[in-house]
Amino acid sequence: MLWASPALPGAVHDIRAARKHCILDALAQADVPCWADKGYRGAGGPVRIPYWGRWGTLSPGQKAVNQSHAKIRALVEQAMATLKPWRLLRKLRCSTTRVTTLVQAILAPHLTSSDR
């Protein structure tokens, strides 16, 4: 995980938020590969997503790539899972800037303490 983007009001899909904050362009310009989930399908550039399809229909090579992809993304998924119990984040009634700061404060110790 590179950073936690500023919060956007309302329900915004991940890829739309990434485009709004020019994350995809910045990654492409810096030539930084990014391993994303299937929600980023169609993002293009340096964004890598797992192969699409049911597990039974994927070739052994595609399954191996998806497993490797999942291992790379595991730390980010664990970090995001730490936010789920924080019910406070669902009930906040403050500026989105403050929410972003809170999320970064919660995730920083998790991501820096990882030995992966």
N, C-alpha and C. Protein backbone atom coordinates (compact mmCIF):
# COMPACT_ATOMS: atom_id res chain seq x y z
N MET A 1 0.85 -1.17 0.00
CA MET A 1 0.00 0.00 0.00
C MET A 1 0.90 1.23 0.00
N LEU A 2 0.68 2.08 -0.96
CA LEU A 2 1.50 3.28 -1.08
C LEU A 2 1.00 4.41 -0.20
N TRP A 3 -0.30 4.60 -0.17
CA TRP A 3 -0.87 5.69 0.61
C TRP A 3 -2.37 5.53 0.73
N ALA A 4 -2.96 6.22 1.68
CA ALA A 4 -4.41 6.26 1.83
C ALA A 4 -4.86 7.59 1.26
N SER A 5 -5.66 7.53 0.22
CA SER A 5 -6.07 8.76 -0.47
C SER A 5 -7.03 9.57 0.38
N PRO A 6 -7.14 10.85 0.08
CA PRO A 6 -8.14 11.66 0.77
C PRO A 6 -9.53 11.08 0.54
N ALA A 7 -10.35 11.18 1.56
CA ALA A 7 -11.70 10.62 1.49
C ALA A 7 -12.55 11.41 0.50
N LEU A 8 -13.45 10.71 -0.14
CA LEU A 8 -14.40 11.34 -1.05
C LEU A 8 -15.79 11.20 -0.44
N PRO A 9 -16.63 12.18 -0.62
CA PRO A 9 -17.97 12.09 -0.04
C PRO A 9 -18.81 11.04 -0.75
N GLY A 10 -19.63 10.34 0.02
CA GLY A 10 -20.54 9.36 -0.55
C GLY A 10 -19.86 8.06 -0.93
N ALA A 11 -20.60 7.22 -1.63
CA ALA A 11 -20.09 5.93 -2.07
C ALA A 11 -19.40 6.10 -3.42
N VAL A 12 -18.10 5.89 -3.44
CA VAL A 12 -17.33 6.04 -4.67
C VAL A 12 -16.55 4.75 -4.89
N HIS A 13 -16.66 4.19 -6.08
CA HIS A 13 -15.94 2.95 -6.41
C HIS A 13 -14.44 3.21 -6.40
N ASP A 14 -13.68 2.18 -6.06
CA ASP A 14 -12.22 2.31 -5.95
C ASP A 14 -11.57 2.89 -7.20
N ILE A 15 -11.92 2.35 -8.36
CA ILE A 15 -11.26 2.80 -9.59
C ILE A 15 -11.62 4.26 -9.90
N ARG A 16 -12.83 4.65 -9.57
CA ARG A 16 -13.22 6.04 -9.78
C ARG A 16 -12.43 6.98 -8.87
N ALA A 17 -12.24 6.56 -7.62
CA ALA A 17 -11.45 7.36 -6.68
C ALA A 17 -9.99 7.44 -7.15
N ALA A 18 -9.46 6.33 -7.64
CA ALA A 18 -8.07 6.31 -8.13
C ALA A 18 -7.91 7.26 -9.31
N ARG A 19 -8.90 7.28 -10.18
CA ARG A 19 -8.84 8.20 -11.32
C ARG A 19 -8.99 9.65 -10.87
N LYS A 20 -9.87 9.89 -9.91
CA LYS A 20 -10.09 11.25 -9.41
C LYS A 20 -8.82 11.83 -8.80
N HIS A 21 -8.09 10.99 -8.07
CA HIS A 21 -6.86 11.44 -7.42
C HIS A 21 -5.62 11.26 -8.30
N CYS A 22 -5.84 10.88 -9.56
CA CYS A 22 -4.76 10.71 -10.55
C CYS A 22 -3.72 9.67 -10.13
N ILE A 23 -4.14 8.69 -9.35
CA ILE A 23 -3.22 7.65 -8.89
C ILE A 23 -2.74 6.80 -10.07
N LEU A 24 -3.67 6.45 -10.95
CA LEU A 24 -3.31 5.60 -12.08
C LEU A 24 -2.29 6.29 -12.98
N ASP A 25 -2.49 7.58 -13.22
CA ASP A 25 -1.55 8.34 -14.05
C ASP A 25 -0.19 8.44 -13.39
N ALA A 26 -0.18 8.68 -12.07
CA ALA A 26 1.08 8.80 -11.34
C ALA A 26 1.85 7.49 -11.36
N LEU A 27 1.14 6.37 -11.20
CA LEU A 27 1.80 5.06 -11.25
C LEU A 27 2.39 4.80 -12.64
N ALA A 28 1.63 5.14 -13.66
CA ALA A 28 2.10 4.93 -15.03
C ALA A 28 3.31 5.82 -15.33
N GLN A 29 3.24 7.06 -14.90
CA GLN A 29 4.34 7.99 -15.16
C GLN A 29 5.61 7.57 -14.43
N ALA A 30 5.47 7.05 -13.21
CA ALA A 30 6.63 6.62 -12.44
C ALA A 30 7.04 5.19 -12.77
N ASP A 31 6.27 4.53 -13.62
CA ASP A 31 6.52 3.14 -14.01
C ASP A 31 6.59 2.22 -12.78
N VAL A 32 5.62 2.41 -11.88
CA VAL A 32 5.53 1.61 -10.66
C VAL A 32 4.42 0.57 -10.84
N PRO A 33 4.76 -0.72 -10.75
CA PRO A 33 3.71 -1.73 -10.88
C PRO A 33 2.80 -1.72 -9.65
N CYS A 34 1.56 -2.06 -9.87
CA CYS A 34 0.57 -2.05 -8.79
C CYS A 34 -0.28 -3.31 -8.89
N TRP A 35 -0.42 -4.02 -7.79
CA TRP A 35 -1.24 -5.22 -7.75
C TRP A 35 -2.57 -4.86 -7.10
N ALA A 36 -3.63 -4.87 -7.88
CA ALA A 36 -4.94 -4.45 -7.40
C ALA A 36 -5.92 -5.62 -7.45
N ASP A 37 -7.10 -5.40 -6.87
CA ASP A 37 -8.12 -6.43 -6.93
C ASP A 37 -8.92 -6.30 -8.23
N LYS A 38 -9.88 -7.20 -8.40
CA LYS A 38 -10.64 -7.24 -9.65
C LYS A 38 -11.49 -6.00 -9.87
N GLY A 39 -11.67 -5.19 -8.85
CA GLY A 39 -12.42 -3.95 -8.98
C GLY A 39 -11.72 -2.94 -9.88
N TYR A 40 -10.46 -3.15 -10.14
CA TYR A 40 -9.69 -2.24 -11.00
C TYR A 40 -9.62 -2.74 -12.44
N ARG A 41 -10.49 -3.66 -12.79
CA ARG A 41 -10.54 -4.18 -14.15
C ARG A 41 -10.75 -3.03 -15.13
N GLY A 42 -9.90 -2.95 -16.12
CA GLY A 42 -9.99 -1.88 -17.11
C GLY A 42 -9.13 -0.68 -16.78
N ALA A 43 -8.41 -0.72 -15.66
CA ALA A 43 -7.57 0.42 -15.28
C ALA A 43 -6.40 0.58 -16.24
N GLY A 44 -5.87 -0.53 -16.71
CA GLY A 44 -4.75 -0.48 -17.64
C GLY A 44 -3.47 0.00 -17.00
N GLY A 45 -2.51 0.34 -17.83
CA GLY A 45 -1.22 0.84 -17.34
C GLY A 45 -0.52 -0.18 -16.46
N PRO A 46 0.07 0.29 -15.37
CA PRO A 46 0.85 -0.61 -14.51
C PRO A 46 -0.01 -1.40 -13.52
N VAL A 47 -1.33 -1.26 -13.59
CA VAL A 47 -2.21 -1.94 -12.64
C VAL A 47 -2.41 -3.38 -13.08
N ARG A 48 -2.02 -4.28 -12.20
CA ARG A 48 -2.17 -5.71 -12.48
C ARG A 48 -3.31 -6.26 -11.64
N ILE A 49 -4.20 -6.97 -12.29
CA ILE A 49 -5.32 -7.59 -11.57
C ILE A 49 -5.25 -9.10 -11.80
N PRO A 50 -5.89 -9.87 -10.92
CA PRO A 50 -5.88 -11.32 -11.12
C PRO A 50 -6.69 -11.71 -12.36
N TYR A 51 -6.43 -12.92 -12.83
CA TYR A 51 -7.20 -13.43 -13.96
C TYR A 51 -8.66 -13.53 -13.57
N TRP A 52 -9.52 -13.22 -14.50
CA TRP A 52 -10.96 -13.19 -14.29
C TRP A 52 -11.55 -14.55 -14.64
N GLY A 53 -12.45 -15.04 -13.85
CA GLY A 53 -13.13 -16.30 -14.15
C GLY A 53 -13.26 -17.17 -12.93
N ARG A 54 -14.05 -18.22 -13.07
CA ARG A 54 -14.21 -19.17 -11.97
C ARG A 54 -12.94 -19.98 -11.81
N TRP A 55 -12.68 -20.38 -10.58
CA TRP A 55 -11.46 -21.12 -10.27
C TRP A 55 -11.34 -22.37 -11.13
N GLY A 56 -12.44 -23.05 -11.37
CA GLY A 56 -12.41 -24.29 -12.15
C GLY A 56 -12.12 -24.08 -13.62
N THR A 57 -12.35 -22.89 -14.13
CA THR A 57 -12.15 -22.63 -15.56
C THR A 57 -10.77 -22.04 -15.87
N LEU A 58 -10.02 -21.68 -14.84
CA LEU A 58 -8.70 -21.11 -15.06
C LEU A 58 -7.68 -22.22 -15.30
N SER A 59 -6.70 -21.92 -16.13
CA SER A 59 -5.62 -22.88 -16.38
C SER A 59 -4.73 -22.96 -15.14
N PRO A 60 -3.93 -24.01 -15.03
CA PRO A 60 -3.02 -24.10 -13.88
C PRO A 60 -2.08 -22.88 -13.78
N GLY A 61 -1.64 -22.38 -14.92
CA GLY A 61 -0.77 -21.19 -14.92
C GLY A 61 -1.49 -19.96 -14.39
N GLN A 62 -2.75 -19.79 -14.81
CA GLN A 62 -3.54 -18.65 -14.33
C GLN A 62 -3.81 -18.77 -12.83
N LYS A 63 -4.07 -19.98 -12.37
CA LYS A 63 -4.28 -20.19 -10.93
C LYS A 63 -3.02 -19.84 -10.15
N ALA A 64 -1.87 -20.22 -10.67
CA ALA A 64 -0.60 -19.92 -10.00
C ALA A 64 -0.37 -18.41 -9.94
N VAL A 65 -0.68 -17.72 -11.03
CA VAL A 65 -0.53 -16.26 -11.06
C VAL A 65 -1.47 -15.63 -10.04
N ASN A 66 -2.72 -16.10 -9.98
CA ASN A 66 -3.68 -15.55 -9.03
C ASN A 66 -3.25 -15.79 -7.58
N GLN A 67 -2.67 -16.96 -7.31
CA GLN A 67 -2.19 -17.24 -5.95
C GLN A 67 -1.04 -16.32 -5.58
N SER A 68 -0.13 -16.11 -6.51
CA SER A 68 0.99 -15.20 -6.28
C SER A 68 0.48 -13.77 -6.07
N HIS A 69 -0.47 -13.39 -6.88
CA HIS A 69 -1.09 -12.06 -6.77
C HIS A 69 -1.72 -11.88 -5.39
N ALA A 70 -2.41 -12.90 -4.92
CA ALA A 70 -3.07 -12.83 -3.61
C ALA A 70 -2.05 -12.70 -2.48
N LYS A 71 -0.92 -13.36 -2.60
CA LYS A 71 0.11 -13.27 -1.57
C LYS A 71 0.69 -11.85 -1.51
N ILE A 72 0.85 -11.25 -2.65
CA ILE A 72 1.38 -9.88 -2.70
C ILE A 72 0.39 -8.91 -2.05
N ARG A 73 -0.89 -9.12 -2.30
CA ARG A 73 -1.93 -8.22 -1.80
C ARG A 73 -2.34 -8.50 -0.35
N ALA A 74 -1.88 -9.58 0.22
CA ALA A 74 -2.34 -9.99 1.56
C ALA A 74 -2.11 -8.92 2.62
N LEU A 75 -0.97 -8.26 2.61
CA LEU A 75 -0.68 -7.25 3.62
C LEU A 75 -1.67 -6.10 3.56
N VAL A 76 -1.98 -5.66 2.35
CA VAL A 76 -2.95 -4.57 2.19
C VAL A 76 -4.33 -5.01 2.67
N GLU A 77 -4.71 -6.22 2.32
CA GLU A 77 -6.01 -6.73 2.75
C GLU A 77 -6.08 -6.81 4.27
N GLN A 78 -4.99 -7.23 4.91
CA GLN A 78 -4.96 -7.29 6.37
C GLN A 78 -5.06 -5.89 6.97
N ALA A 79 -4.38 -4.94 6.35
CA ALA A 79 -4.43 -3.56 6.85
C ALA A 79 -5.85 -3.01 6.75
N MET A 80 -6.50 -3.27 5.63
CA MET A 80 -7.87 -2.78 5.47
C MET A 80 -8.82 -3.48 6.44
N ALA A 81 -8.54 -4.74 6.74
CA ALA A 81 -9.37 -5.48 7.70
C ALA A 81 -9.26 -4.89 9.10
N THR A 82 -8.14 -4.25 9.41
CA THR A 82 -8.01 -3.63 10.73
C THR A 82 -8.96 -2.44 10.87
N LEU A 83 -9.38 -1.87 9.76
CA LEU A 83 -10.30 -0.72 9.83
C LEU A 83 -11.74 -1.15 10.11
N LYS A 84 -12.09 -2.37 9.77
CA LYS A 84 -13.48 -2.81 9.91
C LYS A 84 -14.01 -2.70 11.35
N PRO A 85 -13.25 -3.13 12.37
CA PRO A 85 -13.78 -3.02 13.73
C PRO A 85 -13.90 -1.58 14.24
N TRP A 86 -13.29 -0.66 13.58
CA TRP A 86 -13.32 0.74 14.02
C TRP A 86 -14.67 1.35 13.64
N ARG A 87 -15.69 1.04 14.39
CA ARG A 87 -17.04 1.54 14.10
C ARG A 87 -17.09 3.06 14.11
N LEU A 88 -16.17 3.64 14.83
CA LEU A 88 -16.09 5.09 14.90
C LEU A 88 -16.03 5.70 13.49
N LEU A 89 -15.31 5.04 12.59
CA LEU A 89 -15.15 5.58 11.25
C LEU A 89 -16.48 5.64 10.49
N ARG A 90 -17.41 4.76 10.82
CA ARG A 90 -18.71 4.77 10.14
C ARG A 90 -19.62 5.88 10.65
N LYS A 91 -19.37 6.32 11.86
CA LYS A 91 -20.27 7.29 12.48
C LYS A 91 -19.69 8.70 12.54
N LEU A 92 -18.55 8.91 11.95
CA LEU A 92 -17.93 10.23 12.00
C LEU A 92 -18.76 11.26 11.25
N ARG A 93 -18.84 12.42 11.82
CA ARG A 93 -19.53 13.53 11.18
C ARG A 93 -18.59 14.73 11.18
N CYS A 94 -17.49 14.57 10.46
CA CYS A 94 -16.50 15.64 10.39
C CYS A 94 -16.00 15.74 8.96
N SER A 95 -15.07 16.61 8.73
CA SER A 95 -14.57 16.81 7.38
C SER A 95 -13.84 15.56 6.89
N THR A 96 -13.85 15.37 5.59
CA THR A 96 -13.18 14.20 5.01
C THR A 96 -11.67 14.27 5.24
N THR A 97 -11.13 15.45 5.42
CA THR A 97 -9.70 15.58 5.69
C THR A 97 -9.35 14.92 7.02
N ARG A 98 -10.20 15.11 8.00
CA ARG A 98 -9.94 14.50 9.31
C ARG A 98 -10.08 12.98 9.24
N VAL A 99 -11.03 12.50 8.45
CA VAL A 99 -11.20 11.06 8.30
C VAL A 99 -9.95 10.45 7.67
N THR A 100 -9.41 11.10 6.65
CA THR A 100 -8.20 10.62 5.99
C THR A 100 -7.05 10.54 6.99
N THR A 101 -6.89 11.55 7.81
CA THR A 101 -5.83 11.56 8.82
C THR A 101 -6.01 10.42 9.81
N LEU A 102 -7.24 10.16 10.23
CA LEU A 102 -7.51 9.05 11.15
C LEU A 102 -7.16 7.70 10.52
N VAL A 103 -7.57 7.51 9.28
CA VAL A 103 -7.28 6.25 8.58
C VAL A 103 -5.77 6.05 8.46
N GLN A 104 -5.06 7.09 8.10
CA GLN A 104 -3.60 6.98 7.98
C GLN A 104 -2.97 6.66 9.33
N ALA A 105 -3.49 7.26 10.40
CA ALA A 105 -2.95 7.01 11.74
C ALA A 105 -3.21 5.57 12.18
N ILE A 106 -4.35 5.02 11.80
CA ILE A 106 -4.68 3.65 12.17
C ILE A 106 -3.83 2.66 11.37
N LEU A 107 -3.64 2.93 10.09
CA LEU A 107 -2.93 1.98 9.22
C LEU A 107 -1.41 2.04 9.36
N ALA A 108 -0.86 3.19 9.71
CA ALA A 108 0.60 3.34 9.76
C ALA A 108 1.27 2.31 10.66
N PRO A 109 0.83 2.12 11.91
CA PRO A 109 1.50 1.12 12.75
C PRO A 109 1.38 -0.30 12.18
N HIS A 110 0.24 -0.60 11.60
CA HIS A 110 0.05 -1.94 11.04
C HIS A 110 1.02 -2.20 9.89
N LEU A 111 1.14 -1.24 9.00
CA LEU A 111 1.98 -1.42 7.82
C LEU A 111 3.47 -1.36 8.15
N THR A 112 3.85 -0.54 9.12
CA THR A 112 5.27 -0.43 9.45
C THR A 112 5.75 -1.57 10.33
N SER A 113 4.83 -2.21 11.06
CA SER A 113 5.24 -3.31 11.94
C SER A 113 5.29 -4.65 11.22
N SER A 114 4.84 -4.69 9.99
CA SER A 114 4.83 -5.94 9.25
C SER A 114 6.25 -6.32 8.85
N ASP A 115 6.54 -7.60 8.91
CA ASP A 115 7.87 -8.06 8.52
C ASP A 115 7.86 -8.67 7.12
N ARG A 116 6.82 -8.39 6.35
CA ARG A 116 6.73 -8.95 5.00
C ARG A 116 7.36 -8.04 4.00
